Amino acid sequence: MAETKFLPKIGSKIKININKVKDRLPGKLIEEISSNPKAVITGYKMTDGSNIGITAKLQNGQQNWFFPEEIEKG
């Protein structure tokens, strides 16, 4: 079972680490995150049955999910 005690709380302000996501996200989203990496956690997502991802709302209102290791405290 995935560890949840280290997950940031919903509503927490975070920054997306662009270097850790640029190989898996579309170019337009990479540009958006590069210009403003700040986001707010909106929830959690089961990724593969053994890991939990973070759903976050970017400054432009778009939502996406990220692995916990791809985000930083904002």
N, C-alpha and C. Protein backbone atom coordinates (compact mmCIF):
# COMPACT_ATOMS: atom_id res chain seq x y z
N MET A 1 0.84 -1.19 0.00
CA MET A 1 0.00 0.00 0.00
C MET A 1 0.88 1.24 0.00
N ALA A 2 0.45 2.26 -0.68
CA ALA A 2 1.22 3.50 -0.80
C ALA A 2 1.22 4.27 0.52
N GLU A 3 2.32 4.95 0.76
CA GLU A 3 2.45 5.79 1.94
C GLU A 3 1.75 7.12 1.70
N THR A 4 0.88 7.52 2.60
CA THR A 4 0.18 8.79 2.44
C THR A 4 0.63 9.84 3.44
N LYS A 5 1.39 9.46 4.44
CA LYS A 5 1.75 10.44 5.47
C LYS A 5 2.67 11.54 4.96
N PHE A 6 3.33 11.33 3.81
CA PHE A 6 4.24 12.33 3.28
C PHE A 6 3.60 13.17 2.17
N LEU A 7 2.35 12.90 1.86
CA LEU A 7 1.67 13.68 0.83
C LEU A 7 1.27 15.04 1.38
N PRO A 8 1.46 16.09 0.60
CA PRO A 8 1.02 17.41 1.05
C PRO A 8 -0.51 17.46 1.11
N LYS A 9 -1.03 18.33 1.93
CA LYS A 9 -2.47 18.44 2.12
C LYS A 9 -3.14 19.15 0.95
N ILE A 10 -4.40 18.79 0.73
CA ILE A 10 -5.21 19.47 -0.29
C ILE A 10 -5.28 20.95 0.09
N GLY A 11 -5.10 21.81 -0.88
CA GLY A 11 -5.08 23.25 -0.65
C GLY A 11 -3.68 23.82 -0.48
N SER A 12 -2.68 22.94 -0.35
CA SER A 12 -1.29 23.39 -0.21
C SER A 12 -0.80 24.03 -1.50
N LYS A 13 0.01 25.06 -1.35
CA LYS A 13 0.62 25.71 -2.51
C LYS A 13 1.93 25.00 -2.81
N ILE A 14 2.12 24.69 -4.09
CA ILE A 14 3.30 23.96 -4.52
C ILE A 14 3.91 24.60 -5.76
N LYS A 15 5.08 24.12 -6.13
CA LYS A 15 5.72 24.48 -7.39
C LYS A 15 6.02 23.17 -8.11
N ILE A 16 5.81 23.17 -9.41
CA ILE A 16 6.11 22.01 -10.23
C ILE A 16 7.58 22.10 -10.65
N ASN A 17 8.34 21.05 -10.43
CA ASN A 17 9.74 21.01 -10.85
C ASN A 17 9.77 20.65 -12.33
N ILE A 18 9.98 21.62 -13.18
CA ILE A 18 9.92 21.44 -14.63
C ILE A 18 10.92 20.41 -15.12
N ASN A 19 12.06 20.31 -14.48
CA ASN A 19 13.08 19.35 -14.91
C ASN A 19 12.65 17.90 -14.71
N LYS A 20 11.71 17.68 -13.81
CA LYS A 20 11.26 16.32 -13.54
C LYS A 20 10.02 15.93 -14.34
N VAL A 21 9.38 16.87 -15.03
CA VAL A 21 8.16 16.56 -15.78
C VAL A 21 8.30 16.75 -17.29
N LYS A 22 9.34 17.41 -17.74
CA LYS A 22 9.42 17.78 -19.15
C LYS A 22 9.49 16.59 -20.10
N ASP A 23 9.84 15.41 -19.63
CA ASP A 23 9.91 14.26 -20.52
C ASP A 23 8.58 13.54 -20.69
N ARG A 24 7.55 13.93 -19.91
CA ARG A 24 6.28 13.21 -20.00
C ARG A 24 5.06 14.09 -20.30
N LEU A 25 5.24 15.40 -20.35
CA LEU A 25 4.12 16.30 -20.59
C LEU A 25 4.20 16.93 -21.98
N PRO A 26 3.04 17.32 -22.54
CA PRO A 26 3.03 17.98 -23.85
C PRO A 26 3.74 19.35 -23.80
N GLY A 27 4.27 19.76 -24.94
CA GLY A 27 5.03 21.01 -25.04
C GLY A 27 4.29 22.23 -24.53
N LYS A 28 3.01 22.35 -24.87
CA LYS A 28 2.23 23.52 -24.43
C LYS A 28 2.15 23.59 -22.90
N LEU A 29 1.97 22.44 -22.26
CA LEU A 29 1.90 22.41 -20.80
C LEU A 29 3.27 22.71 -20.19
N ILE A 30 4.32 22.24 -20.82
CA ILE A 30 5.68 22.55 -20.35
C ILE A 30 5.92 24.06 -20.41
N GLU A 31 5.49 24.71 -21.49
CA GLU A 31 5.64 26.17 -21.60
C GLU A 31 4.88 26.87 -20.49
N GLU A 32 3.65 26.42 -20.22
CA GLU A 32 2.82 27.02 -19.18
C GLU A 32 3.49 26.89 -17.81
N ILE A 33 3.97 25.70 -17.50
CA ILE A 33 4.63 25.47 -16.21
C ILE A 33 5.93 26.25 -16.13
N SER A 34 6.66 26.33 -17.23
CA SER A 34 7.93 27.09 -17.24
C SER A 34 7.70 28.56 -16.92
N SER A 35 6.60 29.12 -17.44
CA SER A 35 6.33 30.54 -17.20
C SER A 35 5.79 30.79 -15.79
N ASN A 36 5.12 29.81 -15.22
CA ASN A 36 4.60 29.95 -13.86
C ASN A 36 4.40 28.57 -13.25
N PRO A 37 5.37 28.08 -12.46
CA PRO A 37 5.31 26.73 -11.92
C PRO A 37 4.43 26.57 -10.67
N LYS A 38 3.79 27.65 -10.22
CA LYS A 38 2.99 27.58 -8.99
C LYS A 38 1.65 26.90 -9.26
N ALA A 39 1.19 26.13 -8.26
CA ALA A 39 -0.08 25.42 -8.36
C ALA A 39 -0.63 25.19 -6.95
N VAL A 40 -1.88 24.72 -6.89
CA VAL A 40 -2.53 24.39 -5.62
C VAL A 40 -3.01 22.95 -5.71
N ILE A 41 -2.74 22.16 -4.70
CA ILE A 41 -3.17 20.77 -4.68
C ILE A 41 -4.68 20.70 -4.53
N THR A 42 -5.31 19.94 -5.43
CA THR A 42 -6.77 19.79 -5.40
C THR A 42 -7.21 18.39 -5.02
N GLY A 43 -6.29 17.43 -5.02
CA GLY A 43 -6.67 16.07 -4.67
C GLY A 43 -5.55 15.09 -4.94
N TYR A 44 -5.92 13.80 -4.92
CA TYR A 44 -4.96 12.72 -5.11
C TYR A 44 -5.46 11.79 -6.20
N LYS A 45 -4.56 11.02 -6.78
CA LYS A 45 -4.92 10.10 -7.87
C LYS A 45 -4.10 8.83 -7.71
N MET A 46 -4.77 7.69 -7.76
CA MET A 46 -4.05 6.42 -7.76
C MET A 46 -3.41 6.27 -9.12
N THR A 47 -2.09 6.09 -9.17
CA THR A 47 -1.39 6.10 -10.45
C THR A 47 -1.25 4.72 -11.08
N ASP A 48 -0.81 3.74 -10.33
CA ASP A 48 -0.59 2.42 -10.91
C ASP A 48 -0.91 1.29 -9.95
N GLY A 49 -1.69 1.57 -8.96
CA GLY A 49 -2.03 0.56 -7.96
C GLY A 49 -1.09 0.51 -6.79
N SER A 50 0.08 1.18 -6.89
CA SER A 50 1.01 1.16 -5.77
C SER A 50 1.58 2.53 -5.45
N ASN A 51 1.11 3.53 -6.16
CA ASN A 51 1.62 4.89 -5.94
C ASN A 51 0.46 5.87 -6.00
N ILE A 52 0.60 6.98 -5.30
CA ILE A 52 -0.44 8.00 -5.30
C ILE A 52 0.12 9.27 -5.91
N GLY A 53 -0.60 9.82 -6.87
CA GLY A 53 -0.20 11.06 -7.51
C GLY A 53 -0.95 12.23 -6.90
N ILE A 54 -0.53 13.41 -7.26
CA ILE A 54 -1.11 14.66 -6.77
C ILE A 54 -1.85 15.32 -7.92
N THR A 55 -3.10 15.71 -7.72
CA THR A 55 -3.77 16.53 -8.72
C THR A 55 -3.63 17.98 -8.29
N ALA A 56 -3.32 18.83 -9.24
CA ALA A 56 -3.05 20.22 -8.91
C ALA A 56 -3.64 21.13 -9.97
N LYS A 57 -4.06 22.31 -9.51
CA LYS A 57 -4.61 23.34 -10.38
C LYS A 57 -3.53 24.39 -10.61
N LEU A 58 -3.18 24.57 -11.88
CA LEU A 58 -2.17 25.56 -12.23
C LEU A 58 -2.77 26.96 -12.17
N GLN A 59 -1.93 27.96 -12.29
CA GLN A 59 -2.37 29.35 -12.20
C GLN A 59 -3.34 29.73 -13.32
N ASN A 60 -3.27 29.06 -14.46
CA ASN A 60 -4.17 29.35 -15.57
C ASN A 60 -5.51 28.62 -15.43
N GLY A 61 -5.68 27.87 -14.34
CA GLY A 61 -6.93 27.15 -14.08
C GLY A 61 -6.94 25.72 -14.56
N GLN A 62 -5.94 25.33 -15.32
CA GLN A 62 -5.85 23.96 -15.84
C GLN A 62 -5.45 23.00 -14.72
N GLN A 63 -6.04 21.82 -14.73
CA GLN A 63 -5.69 20.79 -13.75
C GLN A 63 -4.90 19.69 -14.41
N ASN A 64 -3.95 19.13 -13.67
CA ASN A 64 -3.15 18.01 -14.14
C ASN A 64 -2.69 17.23 -12.93
N TRP A 65 -2.13 16.06 -13.15
CA TRP A 65 -1.62 15.29 -12.02
C TRP A 65 -0.11 15.13 -12.15
N PHE A 66 0.52 14.96 -10.98
CA PHE A 66 1.96 14.86 -10.90
C PHE A 66 2.33 13.82 -9.85
N PHE A 67 3.50 13.23 -10.00
CA PHE A 67 4.03 12.36 -8.97
C PHE A 67 4.53 13.24 -7.83
N PRO A 68 4.48 12.75 -6.59
CA PRO A 68 4.96 13.57 -5.46
C PRO A 68 6.38 14.07 -5.62
N GLU A 69 7.24 13.28 -6.25
CA GLU A 69 8.63 13.69 -6.43
C GLU A 69 8.81 14.79 -7.49
N GLU A 70 7.75 15.12 -8.20
CA GLU A 70 7.81 16.18 -9.23
C GLU A 70 7.39 17.55 -8.70
N ILE A 71 7.01 17.61 -7.44
CA ILE A 71 6.56 18.88 -6.87
C ILE A 71 7.44 19.30 -5.70
N GLU A 72 7.38 20.58 -5.37
CA GLU A 72 8.11 21.16 -4.25
C GLU A 72 7.17 22.06 -3.48
N LYS A 73 7.47 22.30 -2.23
CA LYS A 73 6.66 23.26 -1.47
C LYS A 73 6.75 24.61 -2.14
N GLY A 74 5.61 25.29 -2.21
CA GLY A 74 5.57 26.55 -2.94
C GLY A 74 5.44 27.72 -2.08
